[in-house]
Amino acid sequence: MEVHQARAFLAVAEHLHFGHAAAALHMAQPPLSRLIRRLETDLGAELFERSTRHVALTAQGAALVEPARELVRLSESMAAVVRESLDGTTGRVTLGFAGGSVNDLVGDLARDVRSRRPGIDLELHSAQFSHVGLERVLAGELDVVLGRWDHLPPAVDSRLVATERLLVALPEGHRLAAEPAVRAEDLADESWVVLPGGARGTLTNRMHTLALNAGFAPKNLQTAPDSWTVMVLVGARMGISLTLSSVREHTPAPGVVFRPLAPEPDPVQVRMIWRRENRSAALAAVVDISRTTLPGPE
């Protein structure tokens, strides 16, 4: 039974009159009669007893009423799902983020998406370093990522949601730990602890730029898997690290002292990025909500 057949059958079952049912369906009576005959042929059973003055459901017709109603309800719900998907009322959006330093931003956004668009499933993927998150957005594996990039390709759209200061993480008792600010030139002989990603990572790229401008090349680079481990290694006097104000605020760092740089470098931008060709209405709704939840710096 197809949906249009179910609607026709139910109209006749309700009115028990082909003329009235045809009027309710906004069609002529002969096509309705042919449609019901075809349905009976397909099902191999008579659904109505007919006479010139009387139409009644047969036992088989009565048994078909509820399944026909369910078919119509299912059809209507499917149409509603499609409409809601098209206007961004429902859908799934995958959001990647590095964790720790942007947890507050992600939490605020997730709360407001749930409140304002409860039909959108915001699926969170943590531990996404910015360079990996960019690759996954371009590959269509993630819809949107919160991270830090000094340069983005033309295939990506973005909006600024926060800025962060660059800081130097030093072990307690370091010769520069008591200074109000640290000059890059004073770090030439230090060992460094860095995050993965090499030159693709924003912090590592900034570290090399600072060193180049100060006339030295960073040495004894030790890679740590995350900011928490970086702080553990710095606290253990394994090296120093270039880090962010958000790491100082959100990551435990016993035995670590944070100092600003002098002169202070340009701040690091935290951006929300998505693939320009991604036409998901649910994604557009999440980006729109972010404009009020995460309005960005003044």
Protein backbone atom coordinates (compact mmCIF):
# COMPACT_ATOMS: atom_id res chain seq x y z
CA MET A 1 0.00 0.00 0.00
CA GLU A 2 1.32 3.41 -0.98
CA VAL A 3 0.67 6.57 1.01
CA HIS A 4 -1.78 8.05 -1.50
CA GLN A 5 -3.71 4.77 -1.49
CA ALA A 6 -3.80 4.79 2.31
CA ARG A 7 -5.17 8.33 2.34
CA ALA A 8 -7.88 7.39 -0.18
CA PHE A 9 -8.79 4.24 1.72
CA LEU A 10 -9.07 6.14 5.02
CA ALA A 11 -11.24 8.85 3.46
CA VAL A 12 -13.72 6.26 2.20
CA ALA A 13 -13.55 4.39 5.54
CA GLU A 14 -14.35 7.62 7.39
CA HIS A 15 -17.17 8.88 5.18
CA LEU A 16 -18.51 5.50 3.98
CA HIS A 17 -19.51 7.39 0.88
CA PHE A 18 -17.39 7.58 -2.28
CA GLY A 19 -18.76 10.96 -3.34
CA HIS A 20 -18.09 12.57 0.06
CA ALA A 21 -14.66 10.95 0.29
CA ALA A 22 -13.77 12.20 -3.20
CA ALA A 23 -14.80 15.75 -2.24
CA ALA A 24 -12.68 15.57 0.92
CA LEU A 25 -9.72 14.46 -1.20
CA HIS A 26 -10.38 17.16 -3.81
CA MET A 27 -10.72 14.63 -6.62
CA ALA A 28 -13.48 13.20 -8.80
CA GLN A 29 -15.34 10.11 -7.70
CA PRO A 30 -14.48 7.80 -10.67
CA PRO A 31 -10.68 8.01 -10.14
CA LEU A 32 -11.22 7.35 -6.43
CA SER A 33 -13.32 4.29 -7.19
CA ARG A 34 -10.64 2.99 -9.58
CA LEU A 35 -7.92 3.63 -7.00
CA ILE A 36 -9.79 1.60 -4.34
CA ARG A 37 -10.45 -1.21 -6.83
CA ARG A 38 -6.75 -1.31 -7.71
CA LEU A 39 -5.85 -1.42 -4.02
CA GLU A 40 -8.26 -4.31 -3.46
CA THR A 41 -6.73 -6.15 -6.41
CA ASP A 42 -3.22 -5.58 -5.06
CA LEU A 43 -4.22 -6.83 -1.60
CA GLY A 44 -6.35 -9.69 -2.89
CA ALA A 45 -9.37 -8.78 -0.75
CA GLU A 46 -12.46 -6.61 -0.88
CA LEU A 47 -12.22 -3.73 1.56
CA PHE A 48 -15.74 -2.33 1.19
CA GLU A 49 -19.21 -3.75 0.70
CA ARG A 50 -20.90 -1.56 -1.92
CA SER A 51 -24.46 -1.04 -3.02
CA THR A 52 -26.26 1.90 -4.60
CA ARG A 53 -27.27 3.12 -1.14
CA HIS A 54 -24.72 1.64 1.18
CA VAL A 55 -20.93 1.44 1.71
CA ALA A 56 -19.48 -0.49 4.65
CA LEU A 57 -16.12 -1.84 5.64
CA THR A 58 -15.53 -5.55 5.29
CA ALA A 59 -13.66 -7.40 8.02
CA GLN A 60 -10.51 -7.08 5.92
CA GLY A 61 -11.13 -3.34 5.48
CA ALA A 62 -11.63 -2.83 9.20
CA ALA A 63 -8.36 -4.66 9.89
CA LEU A 64 -6.55 -2.33 7.50
CA VAL A 65 -7.66 0.96 9.08
CA GLU A 66 -5.00 1.20 11.81
CA PRO A 67 -2.07 0.10 9.58
CA ALA A 68 -3.18 2.67 6.99
CA ARG A 69 -3.30 5.38 9.66
CA GLU A 70 0.19 4.41 10.83
CA LEU A 71 1.49 4.61 7.26
CA VAL A 72 0.07 8.12 6.87
CA ARG A 73 1.47 9.18 10.25
CA LEU A 74 4.88 7.82 9.31
CA SER A 75 4.79 9.65 5.99
CA GLU A 76 3.89 12.91 7.71
CA SER A 77 6.63 12.48 10.32
CA MET A 78 9.19 11.78 7.61
CA ALA A 79 8.18 14.95 5.81
CA ALA A 80 8.51 16.87 9.08
CA VAL A 81 11.98 15.45 9.66
CA VAL A 82 13.06 16.60 6.20
CA ARG A 83 11.59 20.08 6.72
CA GLU A 84 13.30 20.43 10.10
CA SER A 85 16.59 19.25 8.64
CA LEU A 86 16.32 21.81 5.86
CA ASP A 87 15.71 24.71 8.26
CA GLY A 88 18.31 23.61 10.83
CA THR A 89 15.83 22.59 13.53
CA THR A 90 17.31 19.10 13.62
CA GLY A 91 20.55 17.51 12.50
CA ARG A 92 23.98 16.44 13.68
CA VAL A 93 27.04 18.68 13.92
CA THR A 94 30.50 17.32 14.79
CA LEU A 95 32.67 19.81 16.70
CA GLY A 96 36.38 19.29 17.34
CA PHE A 97 38.48 21.12 19.93
CA ALA A 98 41.85 20.78 21.60
CA GLY A 99 40.49 20.38 25.12
CA GLY A 100 41.58 22.06 28.33
CA SER A 101 42.30 25.56 27.12
CA VAL A 102 38.99 25.93 25.23
CA ASN A 103 36.76 23.75 27.42
CA ASP A 104 34.86 26.77 28.74
CA LEU A 105 34.08 27.99 25.22
CA VAL A 106 32.91 24.56 24.10
CA GLY A 107 30.80 24.10 27.23
CA ASP A 108 29.08 27.47 26.76
CA LEU A 109 28.33 26.72 23.11
CA ALA A 110 27.06 23.19 23.79
CA ARG A 111 24.73 24.49 26.53
CA ASP A 112 23.22 27.16 24.30
CA VAL A 113 22.80 24.85 21.30
CA ARG A 114 20.95 22.39 23.53
CA SER A 115 18.76 25.19 24.88
CA ARG A 116 17.99 26.95 21.60
CA ARG A 117 18.06 24.03 19.15
CA PRO A 118 17.33 20.84 21.14
CA GLY A 119 16.85 18.91 17.89
CA ILE A 120 20.51 19.37 16.94
CA ASP A 121 22.90 16.67 18.15
CA LEU A 122 26.20 18.47 18.84
CA GLU A 123 28.78 15.69 18.85
CA LEU A 124 32.03 16.72 20.58
CA HIS A 125 35.50 15.44 19.61
CA SER A 126 38.24 16.48 22.03
CA ALA A 127 42.04 16.24 21.70
CA GLN A 128 41.98 17.74 18.20
CA PHE A 129 45.18 19.73 17.74
CA SER A 130 44.53 22.68 15.47
CA HIS A 131 46.49 21.38 12.47
CA VAL A 132 44.73 18.00 12.73
CA GLY A 133 41.35 19.68 13.16
CA LEU A 134 41.91 21.73 10.01
CA GLU A 135 42.75 18.60 8.03
CA ARG A 136 39.62 16.86 9.30
CA VAL A 137 37.40 19.84 8.43
CA LEU A 138 38.82 19.93 4.90
CA ALA A 139 38.27 16.16 4.60
CA GLY A 140 34.64 16.48 5.74
CA GLU A 141 35.29 14.37 8.86
CA LEU A 142 34.40 17.24 11.22
CA ASP A 143 31.91 20.02 10.62
CA VAL A 144 33.50 22.68 12.80
CA VAL A 145 36.64 23.06 14.93
CA LEU A 146 37.70 25.50 17.65
CA GLY A 147 41.43 26.12 17.47
CA ARG A 148 44.31 28.43 16.63
CA TRP A 149 45.76 29.08 13.21
CA ASP A 150 47.99 31.87 11.93
CA HIS A 151 46.96 31.04 8.36
CA LEU A 152 43.86 29.36 6.92
CA PRO A 153 43.22 28.13 3.36
CA PRO A 154 40.54 29.76 1.15
CA ALA A 155 38.35 26.63 1.42
CA VAL A 156 37.64 27.46 5.08
CA ASP A 157 35.35 30.06 6.61
CA SER A 158 35.97 31.22 10.16
CA ARG A 159 35.03 33.63 12.89
CA LEU A 160 37.12 34.98 15.76
CA VAL A 161 35.85 33.88 19.18
CA ALA A 162 38.73 34.81 21.54
CA THR A 163 42.33 36.01 21.75
CA GLU A 164 45.09 34.70 24.01
CA ARG A 165 48.44 36.04 25.23
CA LEU A 166 51.68 34.21 24.54
CA LEU A 167 53.57 33.34 27.73
CA VAL A 168 56.81 31.57 28.60
CA ALA A 169 56.49 28.65 31.02
CA LEU A 170 59.59 28.37 33.25
CA PRO A 171 60.42 25.99 36.10
CA GLU A 172 60.37 27.52 39.57
CA GLY A 173 63.80 28.79 40.51
CA HIS A 174 64.75 29.46 36.89
CA ARG A 175 67.13 32.40 36.49
CA LEU A 176 64.36 34.37 34.71
CA ALA A 177 61.46 33.30 36.95
CA ALA A 178 61.54 36.50 39.00
CA GLU A 179 61.65 38.83 36.00
CA PRO A 180 58.44 40.81 35.27
CA ALA A 181 58.83 39.94 31.57
CA VAL A 182 61.23 37.85 29.49
CA ARG A 183 63.05 38.88 26.34
CA ALA A 184 63.34 36.29 23.59
CA GLU A 185 67.09 36.95 23.36
CA ASP A 186 67.50 35.65 26.93
CA LEU A 187 66.15 32.23 25.91
CA ALA A 188 68.80 31.37 23.31
CA ASP A 189 70.52 28.68 25.40
CA GLU A 190 67.38 27.01 26.72
CA SER A 191 65.99 23.56 25.95
CA TRP A 192 62.38 23.59 24.76
CA VAL A 193 59.31 21.43 25.28
CA VAL A 194 56.87 21.63 22.37
CA LEU A 195 53.54 20.18 21.26
CA PRO A 196 53.17 17.88 18.22
CA GLY A 197 52.69 19.25 14.74
CA GLY A 198 56.04 20.84 14.02
CA ALA A 199 55.81 23.97 11.92
CA ARG A 200 52.09 23.29 11.37
CA GLY A 201 51.42 23.89 15.07
CA THR A 202 50.69 27.50 15.96
CA LEU A 203 52.77 27.54 19.16
CA THR A 204 55.76 25.84 17.56
CA ASN A 205 55.56 28.18 14.59
CA ARG A 206 55.41 31.20 16.92
CA MET A 207 58.38 29.84 18.91
CA HIS A 208 60.52 29.56 15.77
CA THR A 209 59.48 33.06 14.67
CA LEU A 210 60.45 34.55 18.05
CA ALA A 211 63.76 32.72 17.97
CA LEU A 212 64.50 33.79 14.40
CA ASN A 213 63.81 37.42 15.21
CA ALA A 214 66.07 37.11 18.27
CA GLY A 215 68.86 35.56 16.23
CA PHE A 216 68.93 31.97 17.46
CA ALA A 217 67.52 28.54 16.67
CA PRO A 218 65.69 26.61 19.44
CA LYS A 219 67.60 23.52 20.53
CA ASN A 220 66.99 20.24 22.34
CA LEU A 221 63.32 20.16 21.33
CA GLN A 222 61.31 17.61 23.29
CA THR A 223 57.78 16.86 22.07
CA ALA A 224 54.99 16.29 24.60
CA PRO A 225 51.55 14.91 23.62
CA ASP A 226 49.46 17.63 25.32
CA SER A 227 49.66 20.82 27.35
CA TRP A 228 49.32 18.99 30.66
CA THR A 229 52.42 16.90 29.87
CA VAL A 230 54.26 20.02 28.70
CA MET A 231 53.67 21.58 32.12
CA VAL A 232 54.82 18.39 33.89
CA LEU A 233 58.09 18.42 31.91
CA VAL A 234 58.66 22.13 32.51
CA GLY A 235 58.02 21.66 36.23
CA ALA A 236 60.53 18.79 36.18
CA ARG A 237 63.15 21.17 34.72
CA MET A 238 63.29 19.33 31.39
CA GLY A 239 63.02 22.61 29.50
CA ILE A 240 60.92 25.72 29.00
CA SER A 241 57.92 26.19 26.75
CA LEU A 242 56.00 28.82 24.84
CA THR A 243 52.39 28.55 25.91
CA LEU A 244 49.11 30.44 26.19
CA SER A 245 47.26 32.40 28.83
CA SER A 246 44.40 29.88 28.60
CA VAL A 247 46.79 27.03 29.50
CA ARG A 248 47.85 28.95 32.60
CA GLU A 249 44.18 29.37 33.54
CA HIS A 250 42.98 25.83 32.85
CA THR A 251 45.90 23.41 33.18
CA PRO A 252 47.45 22.28 36.50
CA ALA A 253 51.09 23.39 36.53
CA PRO A 254 52.84 22.72 39.87
CA GLY A 255 56.39 23.96 39.88
CA VAL A 256 55.84 26.20 36.84
CA VAL A 257 56.06 29.99 36.58
CA PHE A 258 54.46 31.90 33.70
CA ARG A 259 55.99 35.10 32.41
CA PRO A 260 54.99 37.45 29.57
CA LEU A 261 57.35 38.28 26.73
CA ALA A 262 58.84 41.71 26.11
CA PRO A 263 58.04 43.14 23.73
CA GLU A 264 54.70 41.38 23.82
CA PRO A 265 53.99 39.46 20.58
CA ASP A 266 50.72 39.66 18.69
CA PRO A 267 47.99 37.70 20.48
CA VAL A 268 47.00 34.26 19.28
CA GLN A 269 43.52 34.12 17.78
CA VAL A 270 41.06 31.39 18.71
CA ARG A 271 38.78 30.75 15.77
CA MET A 272 35.82 28.63 14.87
CA ILE A 273 36.37 27.18 11.40
CA TRP A 274 34.19 25.22 8.97
CA ARG A 275 34.41 24.17 5.34
CA ARG A 276 33.01 26.89 3.08
CA GLU A 277 31.14 24.36 0.92
CA ASN A 278 29.43 22.69 3.89
CA ARG A 279 25.75 23.59 3.32
CA SER A 280 24.39 21.90 6.45
CA ALA A 281 21.54 23.94 7.89
CA ALA A 282 22.31 22.51 11.34
CA LEU A 283 25.90 23.75 11.04
CA ALA A 284 24.65 27.19 10.00
CA ALA A 285 22.41 27.23 13.08
CA VAL A 286 25.33 26.33 15.39
CA VAL A 287 27.52 29.06 13.83
CA ASP A 288 24.66 31.55 14.26
CA ILE A 289 24.24 30.61 17.93
CA SER A 290 27.99 31.03 18.43
CA ARG A 291 27.72 34.68 17.39
CA THR A 292 25.87 35.45 20.62
CA THR A 293 27.37 32.75 22.87
CA LEU A 294 30.96 33.39 21.77
CA PRO A 295 30.83 36.95 20.41
CA GLY A 296 34.61 37.33 20.29
CA PRO A 297 36.80 40.12 21.69
CA GLU A 298 35.59 43.70 21.61
